[in-house]
Protein backbone atom coordinates (compact mmCIF):
# COMPACT_ATOMS: atom_id res chain seq x y z
CA MET A 1 -13.04 68.40 -3.42
CA ASP A 2 -13.77 68.64 0.29
CA ASN A 3 -11.20 68.72 3.09
CA ASN A 4 -11.78 65.09 4.10
CA GLN A 5 -11.10 63.92 0.55
CA VAL A 6 -7.89 65.95 0.49
CA THR A 7 -6.64 64.43 3.74
CA GLU A 8 -7.46 60.90 2.50
CA LEU A 9 -5.61 61.61 -0.73
CA LEU A 10 -2.61 62.89 1.21
CA LYS A 11 -2.66 59.82 3.47
CA ASP A 12 -2.62 57.58 0.37
CA TYR A 13 0.09 59.61 -1.39
CA ARG A 14 2.91 57.23 -0.52
CA SER A 15 0.89 54.31 -1.93
CA TYR A 16 0.32 56.18 -5.18
CA LYS A 17 3.99 57.12 -5.38
CA PHE A 18 5.07 53.53 -4.69
CA ALA A 19 2.77 52.29 -7.45
CA VAL A 20 4.18 54.81 -9.93
CA SER A 21 7.76 53.85 -9.16
CA ASN A 22 7.08 50.10 -9.31
CA LEU A 23 4.43 49.73 -11.99
CA THR A 24 5.98 48.92 -15.34
CA GLU A 25 4.37 49.11 -18.73
CA VAL A 26 4.19 45.29 -18.73
CA ASP A 27 2.15 45.41 -15.51
CA THR A 28 -0.42 47.75 -17.02
CA VAL A 29 -1.08 45.23 -19.78
CA TYR A 30 -0.75 42.03 -17.76
CA LEU A 31 -2.72 42.79 -14.60
CA PRO A 32 -6.08 43.60 -16.19
CA ARG A 33 -5.89 40.33 -18.13
CA VAL A 34 -5.15 38.35 -14.96
CA TYR A 35 -7.90 40.24 -13.16
CA ASP A 36 -10.43 39.36 -15.88
CA GLU A 37 -9.36 35.72 -15.87
CA ARG A 38 -10.16 35.57 -12.18
CA SER A 39 -13.69 36.85 -13.00
CA TYR A 40 -13.52 39.86 -10.76
CA GLY A 41 -14.42 42.46 -13.36
CA ASN A 42 -12.28 45.03 -15.10
CA LEU A 43 -9.50 47.28 -13.82
CA ASP A 44 -10.60 50.12 -16.07
CA GLY A 45 -8.17 52.99 -15.66
CA TRP A 46 -5.68 51.14 -13.44
CA ASP A 47 -2.51 52.30 -15.06
CA LYS A 48 0.71 54.15 -14.53
CA SER A 49 -0.51 57.35 -16.18
CA ARG A 50 -3.44 57.71 -13.75
CA TYR A 51 -1.25 57.17 -10.69
CA SER A 52 1.40 59.49 -12.13
CA ARG A 53 -1.21 62.22 -12.58
CA ILE A 54 -2.20 61.96 -8.92
CA VAL A 55 1.41 62.06 -7.70
CA ASN A 56 2.25 64.98 -10.01
CA LEU A 57 -0.80 66.98 -8.94
CA ILE A 58 -0.08 66.46 -5.25
CA ASP A 59 3.63 67.27 -5.68
CA GLY A 60 2.82 70.37 -7.72
CA ALA A 61 0.13 71.59 -5.35
CA VAL A 62 2.27 71.10 -2.25
CA ASN A 63 5.32 72.74 -3.80
CA ASP A 64 3.67 75.56 -5.77
CA VAL A 65 0.50 76.49 -3.89
CA LEU A 66 1.48 76.31 -0.23
CA SER A 67 3.67 78.67 1.76
CA ASP A 68 6.91 77.26 3.17
CA ASP A 69 5.35 76.89 6.63
CA GLN A 70 2.24 75.17 5.27
CA ARG A 71 4.37 72.90 3.10
CA THR A 72 6.45 71.86 6.11
CA VAL A 73 3.33 70.90 8.05
CA ILE A 74 1.81 68.90 5.17
CA MET A 75 5.09 67.14 4.42
CA ARG A 76 5.64 66.13 8.04
CA LYS A 77 2.03 65.17 8.72
CA TYR A 78 1.27 63.20 5.54
CA LEU A 79 4.04 62.81 3.00
CA GLU A 80 7.20 61.89 4.86
CA ARG A 81 8.00 58.32 5.81
CA ASN A 82 7.71 58.91 9.56
CA THR A 83 4.67 61.12 9.89
CA MET A 84 4.04 63.32 12.90
CA ASP A 85 0.95 64.76 14.51
CA LEU A 86 0.51 68.52 14.85
CA VAL A 87 1.86 68.64 18.42
CA GLU A 88 5.04 66.84 17.37
CA ILE A 89 5.44 69.15 14.38
CA ALA A 90 4.99 72.20 16.60
CA LYS A 91 7.71 70.96 18.95
CA ALA A 92 10.06 70.09 16.08
CA ILE A 93 9.81 73.52 14.45
CA HIS A 94 9.56 75.43 17.74
CA ARG A 95 6.14 76.93 17.09
CA ASP A 96 2.90 77.05 19.04
CA ARG A 97 0.45 74.18 18.41
CA THR A 98 -2.35 76.60 17.43
CA THR A 99 -0.13 78.27 14.83
CA VAL A 100 0.73 74.89 13.29
CA GLY A 101 -2.99 74.01 13.37
CA ARG A 102 -3.83 77.21 11.48
CA TRP A 103 -1.17 76.46 8.87
CA HIS A 104 -2.57 72.95 8.48
CA THR A 105 -6.16 74.16 8.08
CA GLU A 106 -5.19 76.77 5.52
CA ALA A 107 -3.00 74.29 3.62
CA ILE A 108 -5.85 71.76 3.39
CA ARG A 109 -8.17 74.51 2.13
CA LYS A 110 -5.70 75.53 -0.57
CA LEU A 111 -5.05 71.91 -1.56
CA SER A 112 -8.78 71.23 -1.85
CA ILE A 113 -8.92 73.90 -4.55
CA ALA A 114 -5.72 72.79 -6.28
CA LEU A 115 -6.68 69.09 -6.34
CA ALA A 116 -10.28 69.63 -7.43
CA PRO A 117 -9.58 68.40 -11.01
CA LEU A 118 -9.11 64.82 -9.74
CA SER A 119 -12.21 62.70 -10.22
CA ASP A 120 -13.31 60.06 -7.73
CA LYS A 121 -12.40 57.32 -10.18
CA GLU A 122 -8.87 58.70 -10.58
CA LYS A 123 -8.35 58.70 -6.81
CA GLU A 124 -9.37 55.08 -6.27
CA ILE A 125 -6.58 52.73 -5.24
CA ILE A 126 -7.35 49.19 -6.28
CA ASN A 127 -6.05 46.64 -3.83
CA LEU A 128 -4.97 43.45 -5.60
CA ASP A 129 -4.05 41.48 -2.47
CA TYR A 130 -6.98 39.12 -2.94
CA MET A 131 -5.35 37.88 -6.13
CA LEU A 132 -2.65 36.33 -3.97
CA ASP A 133 -5.15 34.53 -1.73
CA LYS A 134 -5.36 30.79 -2.12
CA ARG A 135 -8.86 30.01 -3.27
CA PRO A 136 -10.38 26.56 -3.55
CA ALA A 137 -10.74 25.42 -7.16
């Protein structure tokens, strides 16, 4: 997995986590059927277990692979509710911007190795907003 894929995955983390916490077993059965009835194809693999795997891998990688400094940068830049840029993080933790940038770069490198087992299909977030659109009959 390359660094750009890792940063995109981290940016989408909160969406994955929200889906895991709000997707019930009923939803995993019901939504593909609705999706098929609307003739938009199949939601193959759109289920709680896939989203849970992504959330668990990210949580595990961030908590077990990164140093405390690297973890702080990743949490504040991507995973917390009110994200910060590297300059804001540097000011908040009273460190130089270049040091925080180095921690970020190294953290992304480590996460790219740790998250390599995720396939492209597993990482895909399927947006179902169109199902709520009013379409002419």
